[in-house]
């Protein structure tokens, strides 16, 4: 799917639509990878998805904590930001493999920094700063 999103509100709506339309099966882990340059809207999309799943508190980029966990009705959403990670070896030290469990939806910003340390995603979204957003 390819679409043009003019602003943050449209990006949040895409995240909400993703939350509503994906056939989540909480018995197995799900992974959504968010790619794009700084400021492209990765965290904004994650915020829209999390809001649609019932998260009402603050949703910030986990840039410094690297990982934020949110309880939702059917399980846990793990929001990961690997921007400050330099390579796959650092990713291994975070224990991310443990987060890919049956009741989890794992959102990963900057997944390319993990190399092959992460499993393949169920959905990968690439956001472009020129408002050319692509979903694959």
N, C-alpha and C. Protein backbone atom coordinates (compact mmCIF):
# COMPACT_ATOMS: atom_id res chain seq x y z
N UNK A 1 0.85 -1.16 0.00
CA UNK A 1 0.00 0.00 0.00
C UNK A 1 0.91 1.23 0.00
N UNK A 2 0.51 2.23 -0.73
CA UNK A 2 1.25 3.48 -0.79
C UNK A 2 0.27 4.62 -0.64
N UNK A 3 0.59 5.57 0.22
CA UNK A 3 -0.30 6.71 0.41
C UNK A 3 0.51 7.94 0.81
N UNK A 4 -0.09 9.09 0.62
CA UNK A 4 0.56 10.34 1.02
C UNK A 4 -0.13 10.86 2.27
N UNK A 5 0.64 11.13 3.30
CA UNK A 5 0.12 11.62 4.56
C UNK A 5 0.63 13.04 4.79
N UNK A 6 -0.26 13.99 4.90
CA UNK A 6 0.16 15.39 4.94
C UNK A 6 0.67 15.88 6.29
N UNK A 7 0.32 15.18 7.39
CA UNK A 7 0.68 15.73 8.69
C UNK A 7 0.66 14.64 9.77
N UNK A 8 0.97 15.06 11.00
CA UNK A 8 1.04 14.11 12.12
C UNK A 8 -0.31 13.46 12.40
N UNK A 9 -1.38 14.21 12.25
CA UNK A 9 -2.71 13.65 12.52
C UNK A 9 -3.00 12.50 11.55
N UNK A 10 -2.65 12.67 10.30
CA UNK A 10 -2.85 11.60 9.32
C UNK A 10 -1.97 10.40 9.64
N UNK A 11 -0.77 10.64 10.13
CA UNK A 11 0.14 9.55 10.49
C UNK A 11 -0.42 8.78 11.68
N UNK A 12 -0.98 9.49 12.66
CA UNK A 12 -1.62 8.82 13.80
C UNK A 12 -2.82 8.00 13.34
N UNK A 13 -3.58 8.53 12.39
CA UNK A 13 -4.73 7.78 11.88
C UNK A 13 -4.29 6.50 11.18
N UNK A 14 -3.16 6.54 10.47
CA UNK A 14 -2.62 5.33 9.85
C UNK A 14 -2.27 4.31 10.93
N UNK A 15 -1.64 4.75 12.01
CA UNK A 15 -1.33 3.85 13.12
C UNK A 15 -2.58 3.24 13.72
N UNK A 16 -3.63 4.05 13.90
CA UNK A 16 -4.89 3.55 14.45
C UNK A 16 -5.53 2.55 13.51
N UNK A 17 -5.49 2.83 12.21
CA UNK A 17 -6.05 1.91 11.23
C UNK A 17 -5.29 0.59 11.24
N UNK A 18 -3.99 0.66 11.38
CA UNK A 18 -3.18 -0.55 11.46
C UNK A 18 -3.59 -1.38 12.67
N UNK A 19 -3.81 -0.73 13.80
CA UNK A 19 -4.23 -1.44 15.01
C UNK A 19 -5.59 -2.11 14.82
N UNK A 20 -6.49 -1.44 14.14
CA UNK A 20 -7.85 -1.96 13.94
C UNK A 20 -7.94 -3.04 12.88
N UNK A 21 -7.09 -2.99 11.87
CA UNK A 21 -7.28 -3.88 10.73
C UNK A 21 -6.34 -5.09 10.69
N UNK A 22 -5.27 -5.07 11.42
CA UNK A 22 -4.37 -6.22 11.41
C UNK A 22 -5.00 -7.38 12.18
N UNK A 23 -4.89 -8.58 11.65
CA UNK A 23 -5.46 -9.75 12.34
C UNK A 23 -4.54 -10.22 13.46
N UNK A 24 -4.54 -9.52 14.57
CA UNK A 24 -3.65 -9.87 15.67
C UNK A 24 -4.07 -11.19 16.26
N UNK A 25 -3.10 -12.01 16.51
CA UNK A 25 -3.29 -13.29 17.17
C UNK A 25 -2.38 -13.24 18.39
N UNK A 26 -2.95 -12.99 19.55
CA UNK A 26 -2.14 -12.78 20.75
C UNK A 26 -1.51 -14.07 21.25
N UNK A 27 -1.76 -15.20 20.59
CA UNK A 27 -1.11 -16.45 21.00
C UNK A 27 0.33 -16.52 20.49
N UNK A 28 0.64 -15.73 19.46
CA UNK A 28 2.00 -15.68 18.92
C UNK A 28 2.45 -14.23 18.87
N UNK A 29 3.74 -14.00 18.98
CA UNK A 29 4.21 -12.60 18.94
C UNK A 29 4.02 -11.99 17.56
N UNK A 30 3.80 -10.69 17.54
CA UNK A 30 3.67 -9.92 16.31
C UNK A 30 4.73 -8.83 16.32
N UNK A 31 5.24 -8.50 15.15
CA UNK A 31 6.26 -7.46 15.06
C UNK A 31 5.93 -6.49 13.93
N UNK A 32 6.02 -5.21 14.25
CA UNK A 32 5.87 -4.15 13.26
C UNK A 32 7.15 -3.34 13.31
N UNK A 33 7.80 -3.22 12.17
CA UNK A 33 9.04 -2.46 12.09
C UNK A 33 8.76 -1.13 11.41
N UNK A 34 9.25 -0.07 12.03
CA UNK A 34 9.04 1.30 11.55
C UNK A 34 10.37 1.86 11.10
N UNK A 35 10.46 2.18 9.82
CA UNK A 35 11.70 2.69 9.25
C UNK A 35 11.48 4.10 8.72
N UNK A 36 12.56 4.86 8.65
CA UNK A 36 12.51 6.21 8.10
C UNK A 36 13.52 7.10 8.79
N UNK A 37 13.77 8.24 8.18
CA UNK A 37 14.74 9.19 8.73
C UNK A 37 14.20 9.83 10.01
N UNK A 38 15.07 10.54 10.72
CA UNK A 38 14.65 11.30 11.89
C UNK A 38 13.52 12.25 11.50
N UNK A 39 12.48 12.28 12.31
CA UNK A 39 11.38 13.19 12.07
C UNK A 39 10.37 12.72 11.03
N UNK A 40 10.52 11.49 10.54
CA UNK A 40 9.62 10.99 9.51
C UNK A 40 8.24 10.61 10.05
N UNK A 41 8.13 10.36 11.35
CA UNK A 41 6.83 10.04 11.94
C UNK A 41 6.70 8.66 12.54
N UNK A 42 7.80 7.99 12.81
CA UNK A 42 7.75 6.64 13.36
C UNK A 42 7.05 6.61 14.72
N UNK A 43 7.44 7.49 15.61
CA UNK A 43 6.82 7.53 16.94
C UNK A 43 5.38 8.01 16.85
N UNK A 44 5.10 8.89 15.94
CA UNK A 44 3.73 9.38 15.75
C UNK A 44 2.82 8.24 15.31
N UNK A 45 3.29 7.41 14.40
CA UNK A 45 2.52 6.25 13.96
C UNK A 45 2.33 5.29 15.14
N UNK A 46 3.39 5.05 15.91
CA UNK A 46 3.28 4.18 17.08
C UNK A 46 2.26 4.73 18.07
N UNK A 47 2.25 6.04 18.27
CA UNK A 47 1.30 6.67 19.19
C UNK A 47 -0.14 6.41 18.72
N UNK A 48 -0.40 6.56 17.43
CA UNK A 48 -1.74 6.30 16.92
C UNK A 48 -2.16 4.85 17.12
N UNK A 49 -1.24 3.93 16.88
CA UNK A 49 -1.52 2.51 17.08
C UNK A 49 -1.81 2.22 18.55
N UNK A 50 -0.97 2.75 19.43
CA UNK A 50 -1.14 2.50 20.87
C UNK A 50 -2.44 3.10 21.39
N UNK A 51 -2.79 4.29 20.95
CA UNK A 51 -4.06 4.91 21.36
C UNK A 51 -5.24 4.03 20.94
N UNK A 52 -5.19 3.52 19.70
CA UNK A 52 -6.27 2.67 19.21
C UNK A 52 -6.38 1.36 19.99
N UNK A 53 -5.27 0.92 20.58
CA UNK A 53 -5.30 -0.29 21.40
C UNK A 53 -5.65 0.00 22.86
N UNK A 54 -5.93 1.27 23.17
CA UNK A 54 -6.41 1.61 24.51
C UNK A 54 -5.42 2.29 25.43
N UNK A 55 -4.23 2.61 24.97
CA UNK A 55 -3.25 3.29 25.82
C UNK A 55 -3.64 4.75 25.91
N UNK A 56 -3.85 5.24 27.14
CA UNK A 56 -4.29 6.62 27.31
C UNK A 56 -3.20 7.54 27.87
N UNK A 57 -2.17 6.99 28.45
CA UNK A 57 -1.10 7.81 29.02
C UNK A 57 -0.17 8.34 27.95
N UNK A 58 0.89 8.97 28.40
CA UNK A 58 1.89 9.54 27.48
C UNK A 58 2.55 8.45 26.65
N UNK A 59 2.72 8.73 25.37
CA UNK A 59 3.44 7.83 24.47
C UNK A 59 4.58 8.65 23.88
N UNK A 60 5.77 8.38 24.35
CA UNK A 60 6.95 9.10 23.87
C UNK A 60 7.88 8.13 23.16
N UNK A 61 8.78 8.69 22.39
CA UNK A 61 9.79 7.85 21.77
C UNK A 61 10.68 7.27 22.86
N UNK A 62 10.92 5.97 22.83
CA UNK A 62 11.82 5.39 23.83
C UNK A 62 13.29 5.55 23.45
N UNK A 63 13.65 6.69 22.89
CA UNK A 63 15.01 6.92 22.42
C UNK A 63 16.07 6.72 23.49
N UNK A 64 15.79 7.16 24.70
CA UNK A 64 16.80 7.06 25.77
C UNK A 64 16.63 5.80 26.59
N UNK A 65 15.40 5.41 26.86
CA UNK A 65 15.17 4.17 27.61
C UNK A 65 15.35 2.94 26.71
N UNK A 66 15.25 3.14 25.40
CA UNK A 66 15.34 2.12 24.36
C UNK A 66 14.11 1.23 24.27
N UNK A 67 13.39 1.04 25.36
CA UNK A 67 12.25 0.14 25.36
C UNK A 67 11.19 0.66 26.34
N UNK A 68 9.95 0.72 25.88
CA UNK A 68 8.80 1.06 26.73
C UNK A 68 7.78 -0.05 26.58
N UNK A 69 7.15 -0.42 27.66
CA UNK A 69 6.16 -1.48 27.66
C UNK A 69 4.79 -0.90 28.02
N UNK A 70 3.75 -1.31 27.30
CA UNK A 70 2.39 -0.83 27.54
C UNK A 70 1.46 -2.03 27.67
N UNK A 71 0.71 -2.08 28.75
CA UNK A 71 -0.30 -3.12 28.90
C UNK A 71 -1.55 -2.73 28.14
N UNK A 72 -2.08 -3.64 27.35
CA UNK A 72 -3.34 -3.42 26.64
C UNK A 72 -4.25 -4.60 26.96
N UNK A 73 -5.50 -4.53 26.52
CA UNK A 73 -6.50 -5.52 26.90
C UNK A 73 -6.05 -6.96 26.63
N UNK A 74 -5.39 -7.19 25.52
CA UNK A 74 -5.06 -8.57 25.14
C UNK A 74 -3.63 -8.99 25.40
N UNK A 75 -2.82 -8.10 25.93
CA UNK A 75 -1.42 -8.47 26.14
C UNK A 75 -0.55 -7.26 26.38
N UNK A 76 0.60 -7.25 25.77
CA UNK A 76 1.59 -6.20 25.98
C UNK A 76 2.09 -5.69 24.64
N UNK A 77 2.26 -4.37 24.56
CA UNK A 77 2.90 -3.77 23.40
C UNK A 77 4.26 -3.28 23.86
N UNK A 78 5.30 -3.72 23.19
CA UNK A 78 6.67 -3.31 23.49
C UNK A 78 7.09 -2.35 22.38
N UNK A 79 7.42 -1.12 22.76
CA UNK A 79 7.85 -0.09 21.80
C UNK A 79 9.36 0.09 21.98
N UNK A 80 10.10 -0.20 20.92
CA UNK A 80 11.56 -0.19 20.97
C UNK A 80 12.08 0.86 20.00
N UNK A 81 13.08 1.62 20.42
CA UNK A 81 13.74 2.58 19.53
C UNK A 81 15.23 2.25 19.53
N UNK A 82 15.74 1.81 18.40
CA UNK A 82 17.14 1.38 18.30
C UNK A 82 18.04 2.46 17.71
N UNK A 83 17.58 3.70 17.68
CA UNK A 83 18.37 4.77 17.07
C UNK A 83 19.77 4.87 17.67
N UNK A 84 19.89 4.74 18.99
CA UNK A 84 21.19 4.89 19.64
C UNK A 84 22.02 3.62 19.65
N UNK A 85 21.50 2.54 19.10
CA UNK A 85 22.22 1.27 19.03
C UNK A 85 23.12 1.30 17.81
N UNK A 86 24.35 0.88 17.98
CA UNK A 86 25.32 0.94 16.88
C UNK A 86 25.36 -0.31 16.02
N UNK A 87 25.06 -1.48 16.62
CA UNK A 87 25.16 -2.71 15.84
C UNK A 87 24.35 -3.82 16.51
N UNK A 88 24.30 -4.97 15.84
CA UNK A 88 23.52 -6.10 16.31
C UNK A 88 23.98 -6.62 17.67
N UNK A 89 25.28 -6.52 17.96
CA UNK A 89 25.79 -7.00 19.25
C UNK A 89 25.15 -6.22 20.41
N UNK A 90 24.99 -4.92 20.25
CA UNK A 90 24.33 -4.12 21.30
C UNK A 90 22.87 -4.53 21.44
N UNK A 91 22.24 -4.86 20.34
CA UNK A 91 20.84 -5.29 20.38
C UNK A 91 20.70 -6.57 21.19
N UNK A 92 21.62 -7.49 21.01
CA UNK A 92 21.59 -8.75 21.76
C UNK A 92 21.61 -8.49 23.26
N UNK A 93 22.38 -7.50 23.69
CA UNK A 93 22.47 -7.16 25.10
C UNK A 93 21.20 -6.59 25.71
N UNK A 94 20.27 -6.14 24.87
CA UNK A 94 19.00 -5.58 25.36
C UNK A 94 18.00 -6.66 25.76
N UNK A 95 18.23 -7.88 25.34
CA UNK A 95 17.30 -8.96 25.65
C UNK A 95 16.01 -8.90 24.85
N UNK A 96 16.07 -8.32 23.64
CA UNK A 96 14.86 -8.18 22.83
C UNK A 96 14.24 -9.51 22.45
N UNK A 97 15.05 -10.52 22.28
CA UNK A 97 14.49 -11.83 21.92
C UNK A 97 13.46 -12.29 22.95
N UNK A 98 13.67 -11.93 24.21
CA UNK A 98 12.73 -12.30 25.26
C UNK A 98 11.39 -11.58 25.13
N UNK A 99 11.38 -10.44 24.45
CA UNK A 99 10.15 -9.67 24.28
C UNK A 99 9.24 -10.24 23.21
N UNK A 100 9.78 -11.07 22.31
CA UNK A 100 8.99 -11.69 21.25
C UNK A 100 8.34 -12.94 21.84
N UNK A 101 7.30 -12.71 22.62
CA UNK A 101 6.59 -13.80 23.29
C UNK A 101 5.12 -13.77 22.85
N UNK A 102 4.37 -14.77 23.23
CA UNK A 102 3.01 -14.95 22.74
C UNK A 102 2.05 -13.82 22.94
N UNK A 103 2.16 -13.09 24.03
CA UNK A 103 1.17 -12.04 24.28
C UNK A 103 1.67 -10.65 23.87
N UNK A 104 2.68 -10.59 23.02
CA UNK A 104 3.32 -9.31 22.72
C UNK A 104 3.16 -8.87 21.27
N UNK A 105 2.99 -7.57 21.14
CA UNK A 105 3.13 -6.89 19.86
C UNK A 105 4.37 -6.02 20.02
N UNK A 106 5.35 -6.20 19.18
CA UNK A 106 6.61 -5.47 19.31
C UNK A 106 6.73 -4.48 18.16
N UNK A 107 6.78 -3.19 18.52
CA UNK A 107 6.99 -2.11 17.56
C UNK A 107 8.46 -1.73 17.63
N UNK A 108 9.17 -1.77 16.52
CA UNK A 108 10.60 -1.46 16.54
C UNK A 108 10.90 -0.32 15.58
N UNK A 109 11.38 0.79 16.13
CA UNK A 109 11.87 1.89 15.32
C UNK A 109 13.35 1.64 15.04
N UNK A 110 13.80 1.93 13.84
CA UNK A 110 15.19 1.74 13.41
C UNK A 110 15.60 0.26 13.46
N UNK A 111 14.79 -0.67 12.97
CA UNK A 111 15.14 -2.09 13.04
C UNK A 111 16.41 -2.44 12.28
N UNK A 112 16.75 -1.66 11.28
CA UNK A 112 17.96 -1.95 10.50
C UNK A 112 19.22 -1.90 11.36
N UNK A 113 19.18 -1.22 12.49
CA UNK A 113 20.36 -1.15 13.38
C UNK A 113 20.61 -2.47 14.09
N UNK A 114 19.61 -3.35 14.10
CA UNK A 114 19.76 -4.63 14.79
C UNK A 114 20.34 -5.71 13.89
N UNK A 115 20.50 -5.42 12.62
CA UNK A 115 21.01 -6.44 11.72
C UNK A 115 20.09 -7.64 11.69
N UNK A 116 20.64 -8.81 11.85
CA UNK A 116 19.82 -10.04 11.84
C UNK A 116 19.43 -10.49 13.24
N UNK A 117 19.60 -9.64 14.23
CA UNK A 117 19.30 -10.01 15.61
C UNK A 117 17.80 -10.05 15.90
N UNK A 118 16.98 -9.54 14.97
CA UNK A 118 15.52 -9.55 15.15
C UNK A 118 14.88 -10.51 14.18
N UNK A 119 13.73 -11.07 14.56
CA UNK A 119 13.00 -11.92 13.60
C UNK A 119 12.40 -11.06 12.49
N UNK A 120 11.93 -11.69 11.44
CA UNK A 120 11.27 -10.96 10.37
C UNK A 120 9.99 -10.32 10.89
N UNK A 121 9.64 -9.14 10.39
CA UNK A 121 8.42 -8.49 10.87
C UNK A 121 7.17 -9.04 10.19
N UNK A 122 6.04 -8.86 10.83
CA UNK A 122 4.75 -9.15 10.21
C UNK A 122 4.39 -8.01 9.25
N UNK A 123 4.75 -6.79 9.66
CA UNK A 123 4.48 -5.60 8.86
C UNK A 123 5.69 -4.69 8.98
N UNK A 124 6.08 -4.10 7.86
CA UNK A 124 7.14 -3.09 7.88
C UNK A 124 6.59 -1.82 7.25
N UNK A 125 6.73 -0.71 7.96
CA UNK A 125 6.26 0.58 7.46
C UNK A 125 7.48 1.47 7.27
N UNK A 126 7.63 2.01 6.08
CA UNK A 126 8.71 2.96 5.80
C UNK A 126 8.09 4.32 5.61
N UNK A 127 8.53 5.27 6.44
CA UNK A 127 8.02 6.63 6.37
C UNK A 127 9.10 7.52 5.78
N UNK A 128 8.72 8.40 4.92
CA UNK A 128 9.67 9.30 4.28
C UNK A 128 9.34 10.73 4.66
N UNK A 129 10.37 11.53 4.90
CA UNK A 129 10.17 12.90 5.34
C UNK A 129 9.48 13.78 4.32
N UNK A 130 9.54 13.41 3.06
CA UNK A 130 8.88 14.21 2.04
C UNK A 130 7.40 13.86 1.93
N UNK A 131 6.82 13.33 2.99
CA UNK A 131 5.42 12.91 3.11
C UNK A 131 5.03 11.82 2.12
N UNK A 132 6.00 11.07 1.64
CA UNK A 132 5.73 9.91 0.81
C UNK A 132 5.88 8.70 1.72
N UNK A 133 4.78 8.22 2.30
CA UNK A 133 4.78 7.13 3.26
C UNK A 133 4.41 5.85 2.54
N UNK A 134 5.17 4.80 2.80
CA UNK A 134 4.89 3.52 2.16
C UNK A 134 4.72 2.44 3.23
N UNK A 135 3.75 1.60 3.02
CA UNK A 135 3.52 0.47 3.91
C UNK A 135 3.77 -0.79 3.09
N UNK A 136 4.60 -1.69 3.64
CA UNK A 136 4.87 -2.94 2.93
C UNK A 136 4.53 -4.11 3.83
